[in-house]
Amino acid sequence: MSTVPKRKPTRAATQSTGATSRQAILDTAARLFRQEGYAATSLRAIADACDMKAGSLYYHFDSKDQIVSEVLDIGVQRVFDTVRCAVEALSPDADLRATLQCAIEAHLSALLHAHDFTSANIRIFGQVPSDVRASHKSLRRSYEQYWQGLLTALQRRGEIRSGTDLQRTVFFLFGAMNWTTEWYDQKKSGLPAMAGELADLVTNGLCPKPAARRSRPAVKQGKA
């Protein structure tokens, strides 16, 4: 009785399996970095969570720092791509309020939906070795400069007062948006509403609008 010889997997199939395994490692590492932090997450822990031998990780990555470097980059790149795509879909004459709300909502959507990667980025950036931070800073800087470019264009159109420090404004926005990973509850507020509130806070501040302000009653002076 003849037997059918087993076919060796094709090169394309092997590459596809390898790519899937690599992404599974990154997905798992991002989750562990977010939950446990950088120091507490070992290569063995990542391998165990992926149900593979620790040595198998070296087929895809040279070291733990290469893994964490890619996790950091993916976290920022996903947010960057989402924001850029959303803003490019806006009308060219979109005003400050509309542009901010669009960019903020896109940032928050990517931040909260790609939760493991983005949260890991925020949590462990200060924990990773200095050379890993240095290699990642160029991407962060590019994203910051993208936001500054948006605000600069609006400032040139007269929608932002001259003299405003736009770099500090971007840092303020990033701090407010990134902290939502700690407190956001979608059951209490949807992303569009929250993005609108933050955009309104930036554009209008906390003071009532001029038309809504009530004149303060004069203070009567007592007799001496």
C-alpha atoms as a PDB file:
ATOM      1  CA  MET A   1       0.000   0.000   0.000  1.00  0.00           C
ATOM      2  CA  SER A   2       1.527   3.260  -1.097  1.00  0.00           C
ATOM      3  CA  THR A   3       1.592   6.249   1.165  1.00  0.00           C
ATOM      4  CA  VAL A   4       1.226   9.841   0.121  1.00  0.00           C
ATOM      5  CA  PRO A   5       4.405  11.733   1.014  1.00  0.00           C
ATOM      6  CA  LYS A   6       3.956  14.659   3.345  1.00  0.00           C
ATOM      7  CA  ARG A   7       4.360  18.002   1.716  1.00  0.00           C
ATOM      8  CA  LYS A   8       6.762  20.424   3.231  1.00  0.00           C
ATOM      9  CA  PRO A   9       5.203  23.776   4.094  1.00  0.00           C
ATOM     10  CA  THR A  10       5.791  26.356   1.421  1.00  0.00           C
ATOM     11  CA  ARG A  11       8.067  29.302   2.074  1.00  0.00           C
ATOM     12  CA  ALA A  12       5.055  31.637   1.987  1.00  0.00           C
ATOM     13  CA  ALA A  13       3.231  29.532   4.579  1.00  0.00           C
ATOM     14  CA  THR A  14       6.298  29.470   6.822  1.00  0.00           C
ATOM     15  CA  GLN A  15       6.677  33.248   6.554  1.00  0.00           C
ATOM     16  CA  SER A  16       2.972  33.716   7.295  1.00  0.00           C
ATOM     17  CA  THR A  17       3.203  31.516  10.392  1.00  0.00           C
ATOM     18  CA  GLY A  18       6.323  33.353  11.496  1.00  0.00           C
ATOM     19  CA  ALA A  19       4.643  36.730  11.104  1.00  0.00           C
ATOM     20  CA  THR A  20       1.636  35.513  13.088  1.00  0.00           C
ATOM     21  CA  SER A  21       3.872  34.220  15.884  1.00  0.00           C
ATOM     22  CA  ARG A  22       5.813  37.466  15.937  1.00  0.00           C
ATOM     23  CA  GLN A  23       2.654  39.542  16.264  1.00  0.00           C
ATOM     24  CA  ALA A  24       1.355  37.208  18.975  1.00  0.00           C
ATOM     25  CA  ILE A  25       4.561  37.794  20.928  1.00  0.00           C
ATOM     26  CA  LEU A  26       4.195  41.567  20.592  1.00  0.00           C
ATOM     27  CA  ASP A  27       0.505  41.460  21.581  1.00  0.00           C
ATOM     28  CA  THR A  28       1.331  39.364  24.643  1.00  0.00           C
ATOM     29  CA  ALA A  29       4.330  41.485  25.611  1.00  0.00           C
ATOM     30  CA  ALA A  30       2.287  44.684  25.364  1.00  0.00           C
ATOM     31  CA  ARG A  31      -0.332  43.233  27.690  1.00  0.00           C
ATOM     32  CA  LEU A  32       2.269  42.083  30.228  1.00  0.00           C
ATOM     33  CA  PHE A  33       4.198  45.360  30.104  1.00  0.00           C
ATOM     34  CA  ARG A  34       0.941  47.223  30.710  1.00  0.00           C
ATOM     35  CA  GLN A  35      -0.078  45.007  33.605  1.00  0.00           C
ATOM     36  CA  GLU A  36       3.257  44.230  35.268  1.00  0.00           C
ATOM     37  CA  GLY A  37       5.655  46.948  34.174  1.00  0.00           C
ATOM     38  CA  TYR A  38       8.985  46.666  32.374  1.00  0.00           C
ATOM     39  CA  ALA A  39      11.219  45.145  35.080  1.00  0.00           C
ATOM     40  CA  ALA A  40       8.711  42.508  36.191  1.00  0.00           C
ATOM     41  CA  THR A  41       8.113  41.244  32.649  1.00  0.00           C
ATOM     42  CA  SER A  42      10.803  38.737  31.679  1.00  0.00           C
ATOM     43  CA  LEU A  43      11.358  36.931  28.406  1.00  0.00           C
ATOM     44  CA  ARG A  44      10.335  33.713  30.150  1.00  0.00           C
ATOM     45  CA  ALA A  45       7.057  35.305  31.267  1.00  0.00           C
ATOM     46  CA  ILE A  46       6.341  36.420  27.708  1.00  0.00           C
ATOM     47  CA  ALA A  47       7.193  32.968  26.353  1.00  0.00           C
ATOM     48  CA  ASP A  48       5.027  31.199  28.953  1.00  0.00           C
ATOM     49  CA  ALA A  49       2.083  33.460  28.146  1.00  0.00           C
ATOM     50  CA  CYS A  50       2.579  32.646  24.446  1.00  0.00           C
ATOM     51  CA  ASP A  51       2.817  28.921  25.263  1.00  0.00           C
ATOM     52  CA  MET A  52       6.263  28.602  23.716  1.00  0.00           C
ATOM     53  CA  LYS A  53       9.810  27.939  24.886  1.00  0.00           C
ATOM     54  CA  ALA A  54      11.826  30.965  25.950  1.00  0.00           C
ATOM     55  CA  GLY A  55      14.488  30.126  23.377  1.00  0.00           C
ATOM     56  CA  SER A  56      11.901  30.314  20.605  1.00  0.00           C
ATOM     57  CA  LEU A  57      11.551  34.057  21.183  1.00  0.00           C
ATOM     58  CA  TYR A  58      15.064  34.535  19.816  1.00  0.00           C
ATOM     59  CA  TYR A  59      13.880  33.329  16.420  1.00  0.00           C
ATOM     60  CA  HIS A  60      11.894  36.574  16.193  1.00  0.00           C
ATOM     61  CA  PHE A  61      13.682  39.003  18.519  1.00  0.00           C
ATOM     62  CA  ASP A  62      17.268  39.521  19.637  1.00  0.00           C
ATOM     63  CA  SER A  63      16.379  40.680  23.130  1.00  0.00           C
ATOM     64  CA  LYS A  64      13.708  41.899  25.513  1.00  0.00           C
ATOM     65  CA  ASP A  65      14.662  45.471  24.670  1.00  0.00           C
ATOM     66  CA  GLN A  66      13.950  44.870  20.982  1.00  0.00           C
ATOM     67  CA  ILE A  67      10.481  43.660  21.957  1.00  0.00           C
ATOM     68  CA  VAL A  68       9.784  46.617  24.203  1.00  0.00           C
ATOM     69  CA  SER A  69      11.111  49.027  21.577  1.00  0.00           C
ATOM     70  CA  GLU A  70       8.631  47.704  19.013  1.00  0.00           C
ATOM     71  CA  VAL A  71       5.791  47.767  21.538  1.00  0.00           C
ATOM     72  CA  LEU A  72       6.513  51.442  22.226  1.00  0.00           C
ATOM     73  CA  ASP A  73       6.669  52.290  18.525  1.00  0.00           C
ATOM     74  CA  ILE A  74       3.434  50.461  17.714  1.00  0.00           C
ATOM     75  CA  GLY A  75       1.640  52.293  20.520  1.00  0.00           C
ATOM     76  CA  VAL A  76       2.520  55.735  19.177  1.00  0.00           C
ATOM     77  CA  GLN A  77       2.285  54.859  15.481  1.00  0.00           C
ATOM     78  CA  ARG A  78      -1.271  53.551  15.788  1.00  0.00           C
ATOM     79  CA  VAL A  79      -2.382  56.783  17.430  1.00  0.00           C
ATOM     80  CA  PHE A  80      -0.443  58.915  14.927  1.00  0.00           C
ATOM     81  CA  ASP A  81      -1.923  57.131  11.890  1.00  0.00           C
ATOM     82  CA  THR A  82      -5.470  57.331  13.250  1.00  0.00           C
ATOM     83  CA  VAL A  83      -5.240  61.060  13.963  1.00  0.00           C
ATOM     84  CA  ARG A  84      -3.653  61.904  10.630  1.00  0.00           C
ATOM     85  CA  CYS A  85      -6.280  59.936   8.699  1.00  0.00           C
ATOM     86  CA  ALA A  86      -9.134  61.616  10.583  1.00  0.00           C
ATOM     87  CA  VAL A  87      -7.766  65.148  10.136  1.00  0.00           C
ATOM     88  CA  GLU A  88      -7.070  64.630   6.433  1.00  0.00           C
ATOM     89  CA  ALA A  89     -10.756  63.778   5.979  1.00  0.00           C
ATOM     90  CA  LEU A  90     -11.789  67.191   7.348  1.00  0.00           C
ATOM     91  CA  SER A  91     -12.743  70.101   5.142  1.00  0.00           C
ATOM     92  CA  PRO A  92      -9.702  72.336   4.430  1.00  0.00           C
ATOM     93  CA  ASP A  93     -11.511  75.274   6.042  1.00  0.00           C
ATOM     94  CA  ALA A  94     -12.421  73.441   9.273  1.00  0.00           C
ATOM     95  CA  ASP A  95     -12.125  75.852  12.180  1.00  0.00           C
ATOM     96  CA  LEU A  96     -10.169  75.489  15.420  1.00  0.00           C
ATOM     97  CA  ARG A  97     -13.019  73.859  17.349  1.00  0.00           C
ATOM     98  CA  ALA A  98     -13.802  71.309  14.633  1.00  0.00           C
ATOM     99  CA  THR A  99     -10.128  70.462  14.036  1.00  0.00           C
ATOM    100  CA  LEU A 100      -9.391  70.002  17.722  1.00  0.00           C
ATOM    101  CA  GLN A 101     -12.443  67.850  18.340  1.00  0.00           C
ATOM    102  CA  CYS A 102     -11.627  65.649  15.353  1.00  0.00           C
ATOM    103  CA  ALA A 103      -7.965  65.184  16.341  1.00  0.00           C
ATOM    104  CA  ILE A 104      -8.759  64.660  20.018  1.00  0.00           C
ATOM    105  CA  GLU A 105     -11.465  62.086  19.295  1.00  0.00           C
ATOM    106  CA  ALA A 106      -9.151  60.188  16.924  1.00  0.00           C
ATOM    107  CA  HIS A 107      -6.320  60.221  19.478  1.00  0.00           C
ATOM    108  CA  LEU A 108      -8.622  58.966  22.233  1.00  0.00           C
ATOM    109  CA  SER A 109     -10.152  56.303  20.005  1.00  0.00           C
ATOM    110  CA  ALA A 110      -6.764  54.849  19.084  1.00  0.00           C
ATOM    111  CA  LEU A 111      -5.486  55.267  22.617  1.00  0.00           C
ATOM    112  CA  LEU A 112      -8.350  53.392  24.217  1.00  0.00           C
ATOM    113  CA  HIS A 113      -9.006  50.792  21.515  1.00  0.00           C
ATOM    114  CA  ALA A 114      -5.340  49.777  21.097  1.00  0.00           C
ATOM    115  CA  HIS A 115      -5.272  49.680  24.859  1.00  0.00           C
ATOM    116  CA  ASP A 116      -2.388  47.317  25.606  1.00  0.00           C
ATOM    117  CA  PHE A 117       0.124  48.980  23.301  1.00  0.00           C
ATOM    118  CA  THR A 118      -0.803  52.562  24.100  1.00  0.00           C
ATOM    119  CA  SER A 119      -1.166  52.005  27.839  1.00  0.00           C
ATOM    120  CA  ALA A 120       2.121  50.099  27.945  1.00  0.00           C
ATOM    121  CA  ASN A 121       3.770  53.022  26.187  1.00  0.00           C
ATOM    122  CA  ILE A 122       2.485  55.476  28.768  1.00  0.00           C
ATOM    123  CA  ARG A 123       3.225  53.255  31.759  1.00  0.00           C
ATOM    124  CA  ILE A 124       6.732  51.970  31.022  1.00  0.00           C
ATOM    125  CA  PHE A 125       8.367  54.699  28.938  1.00  0.00           C
ATOM    126  CA  GLY A 126      10.145  56.057  32.002  1.00  0.00           C
ATOM    127  CA  GLN A 127      11.177  52.537  33.092  1.00  0.00           C
ATOM    128  CA  VAL A 128      12.953  51.300  29.973  1.00  0.00           C
ATOM    129  CA  PRO A 129      16.711  51.724  29.403  1.00  0.00           C
ATOM    130  CA  SER A 130      17.870  55.117  28.158  1.00  0.00           C
ATOM    131  CA  ASP A 131      18.960  53.761  24.757  1.00  0.00           C
ATOM    132  CA  VAL A 132      15.466  52.342  24.169  1.00  0.00           C
ATOM    133  CA  ARG A 133      13.902  55.704  25.077  1.00  0.00           C
ATOM    134  CA  ALA A 134      16.346  57.485  22.782  1.00  0.00           C
ATOM    135  CA  SER A 135      15.476  55.248  19.824  1.00  0.00           C
ATOM    136  CA  HIS A 136      11.775  55.866  20.390  1.00  0.00           C
ATOM    137  CA  LYS A 137      11.893  59.621  20.930  1.00  0.00           C
ATOM    138  CA  SER A 138      12.124  60.498  17.240  1.00  0.00           C
ATOM    139  CA  LEU A 139       8.688  58.975  16.592  1.00  0.00           C
ATOM    140  CA  ARG A 140       7.210  60.738  19.608  1.00  0.00           C
ATOM    141  CA  ARG A 141       8.734  64.004  18.440  1.00  0.00           C
ATOM    142  CA  SER A 142       7.283  63.532  14.956  1.00  0.00           C
ATOM    143  CA  TYR A 143       3.819  63.098  16.445  1.00  0.00           C
ATOM    144  CA  GLU A 144       4.234  66.180  18.650  1.00  0.00           C
ATOM    145  CA  GLN A 145       5.402  68.187  15.635  1.00  0.00           C
ATOM    146  CA  TYR A 146       2.365  67.028  13.671  1.00  0.00           C
ATOM    147  CA  TRP A 147       0.074  68.536  16.325  1.00  0.00           C
ATOM    148  CA  GLN A 148       2.158  71.712  16.438  1.00  0.00           C
ATOM    149  CA  GLY A 149       1.796  71.955  12.667  1.00  0.00           C
ATOM    150  CA  LEU A 150      -1.995  71.726  12.953  1.00  0.00           C
ATOM    151  CA  LEU A 151      -2.089  74.487  15.553  1.00  0.00           C
ATOM    152  CA  THR A 152       0.425  76.644  13.663  1.00  0.00           C
ATOM    153  CA  ALA A 153      -1.740  76.552  10.540  1.00  0.00           C
ATOM    154  CA  LEU A 154      -4.759  77.629  12.598  1.00  0.00           C
ATOM    155  CA  GLN A 155      -2.746  80.362  14.277  1.00  0.00           C
ATOM    156  CA  ARG A 156      -1.731  81.757  10.893  1.00  0.00           C
ATOM    157  CA  ARG A 157      -5.420  81.917   9.991  1.00  0.00           C
ATOM    158  CA  GLY A 158      -6.029  84.025  13.076  1.00  0.00           C
ATOM    159  CA  GLU A 159      -7.890  81.349  15.054  1.00  0.00           C
ATOM    160  CA  ILE A 160      -5.271  81.174  17.814  1.00  0.00           C
ATOM    161  CA  ARG A 161      -3.941  84.324  19.404  1.00  0.00           C
ATOM    162  CA  SER A 162      -0.385  85.284  18.531  1.00  0.00           C
ATOM    163  CA  GLY A 163       2.203  84.670  21.200  1.00  0.00           C
ATOM    164  CA  THR A 164       0.632  81.389  22.339  1.00  0.00           C
ATOM    165  CA  ASP A 165       3.268  78.760  23.109  1.00  0.00           C
ATOM    166  CA  LEU A 166       2.002  75.986  20.865  1.00  0.00           C
ATOM    167  CA  GLN A 167       4.508  73.415  22.104  1.00  0.00           C
ATOM    168  CA  ARG A 168       3.234  73.820  25.649  1.00  0.00           C
ATOM    169  CA  THR A 169      -0.313  73.647  24.336  1.00  0.00           C
ATOM    170  CA  VAL A 170       0.459  70.294  22.709  1.00  0.00           C
ATOM    171  CA  PHE A 171       2.048  68.996  25.920  1.00  0.00           C
ATOM    172  CA  PHE A 172      -1.045  70.099  27.848  1.00  0.00           C
ATOM    173  CA  LEU A 173      -3.311  68.294  25.389  1.00  0.00           C
ATOM    174  CA  PHE A 174      -1.228  65.128  25.435  1.00  0.00           C
ATOM    175  CA  GLY A 175      -1.227  65.058  29.220  1.00  0.00           C
ATOM    176  CA  ALA A 176      -5.001  65.449  29.342  1.00  0.00           C
ATOM    177  CA  MET A 177      -5.668  62.874  26.626  1.00  0.00           C
ATOM    178  CA  ASN A 178      -3.172  60.228  27.728  1.00  0.00           C
ATOM    179  CA  TRP A 179      -4.375  60.250  31.312  1.00  0.00           C
ATOM    180  CA  THR A 180      -7.801  59.039  30.170  1.00  0.00           C
ATOM    181  CA  THR A 181      -6.430  55.479  30.126  1.00  0.00           C
ATOM    182  CA  GLU A 182      -6.636  55.631  33.935  1.00  0.00           C
ATOM    183  CA  TRP A 183     -10.158  56.985  34.402  1.00  0.00           C
ATOM    184  CA  TYR A 184     -12.242  56.789  31.215  1.00  0.00           C
ATOM    185  CA  ASP A 185     -15.529  54.898  31.576  1.00  0.00           C
ATOM    186  CA  GLN A 186     -17.401  54.478  28.304  1.00  0.00           C
ATOM    187  CA  LYS A 187     -20.610  53.770  30.223  1.00  0.00           C
ATOM    188  CA  LYS A 188     -20.610  57.343  31.520  1.00  0.00           C
ATOM    189  CA  SER A 189     -19.521  59.228  28.431  1.00  0.00           C
ATOM    190  CA  GLY A 190     -18.959  58.465  24.757  1.00  0.00           C
ATOM    191  CA  LEU A 191     -15.737  59.482  23.040  1.00  0.00           C
ATOM    192  CA  PRO A 192     -17.357  62.152  20.795  1.00  0.00           C
ATOM    193  CA  ALA A 193     -18.863  63.889  23.827  1.00  0.00           C
ATOM    194  CA  MET A 194     -15.633  63.749  25.782  1.00  0.00           C
ATOM    195  CA  ALA A 195     -13.625  65.006  22.796  1.00  0.00           C
ATOM    196  CA  GLY A 196     -16.092  67.865  22.395  1.00  0.00           C
ATOM    197  CA  GLU A 197     -15.769  68.833  26.052  1.00  0.00           C
ATOM    198  CA  LEU A 198     -11.986  68.868  25.884  1.00  0.00           C
ATOM    199  CA  ALA A 199     -11.966  70.832  22.620  1.00  0.00           C
ATOM    200  CA  ASP A 200     -14.375  73.347  24.139  1.00  0.00           C
ATOM    201  CA  LEU A 201     -12.199  73.650  27.230  1.00  0.00           C
ATOM    202  CA  VAL A 202      -9.153  74.435  25.100  1.00  0.00           C
ATOM    203  CA  THR A 203     -10.899  76.871  22.765  1.00  0.00           C
ATOM    204  CA  ASN A 204     -13.171  78.655  25.248  1.00  0.00           C
ATOM    205  CA  GLY A 205     -11.594  78.063  28.644  1.00  0.00           C
ATOM    206  CA  LEU A 206     -13.592  77.852  31.843  1.00  0.00           C
ATOM    207  CA  CYS A 207     -15.071  81.353  31.829  1.00  0.00           C
ATOM    208  CA  PRO A 208     -18.653  81.855  30.640  1.00  0.00           C
ATOM    209  CA  LYS A 209     -19.040  83.184  27.132  1.00  0.00           C
ATOM    210  CA  PRO A 210     -19.304  87.013  27.038  1.00  0.00           C
ATOM    211  CA  ALA A 211     -22.981  86.975  26.107  1.00  0.00           C
ATOM    212  CA  ALA A 212     -23.769  84.662  29.013  1.00  0.00           C
ATOM    213  CA  ARG A 213     -21.870  86.578  31.666  1.00  0.00           C
ATOM    214  CA  ARG A 214     -23.951  88.399  34.198  1.00  0.00           C
ATOM    215  CA  SER A 215     -22.875  91.743  35.489  1.00  0.00           C
ATOM    216  CA  ARG A 216     -21.657  91.472  39.033  1.00  0.00           C
ATOM    217  CA  PRO A 217     -23.635  93.564  41.517  1.00  0.00           C
ATOM    218  CA  ALA A 218     -21.789  96.525  42.942  1.00  0.00           C
ATOM    219  CA  VAL A 219     -20.481  96.014  46.448  1.00  0.00           C
ATOM    220  CA  LYS A 220     -22.041  98.510  48.827  1.00  0.00           C
ATOM    221  CA  GLN A 221     -19.606 100.299  51.041  1.00  0.00           C
ATOM    222  CA  GLY A 222     -20.531 100.475  54.707  1.00  0.00           C
ATOM    223  CA  LYS A 223     -20.479 103.740  56.592  1.00  0.00           C
ATOM    224  CA  ALA A 224     -17.227 104.612  58.278  1.00  0.00           C
END
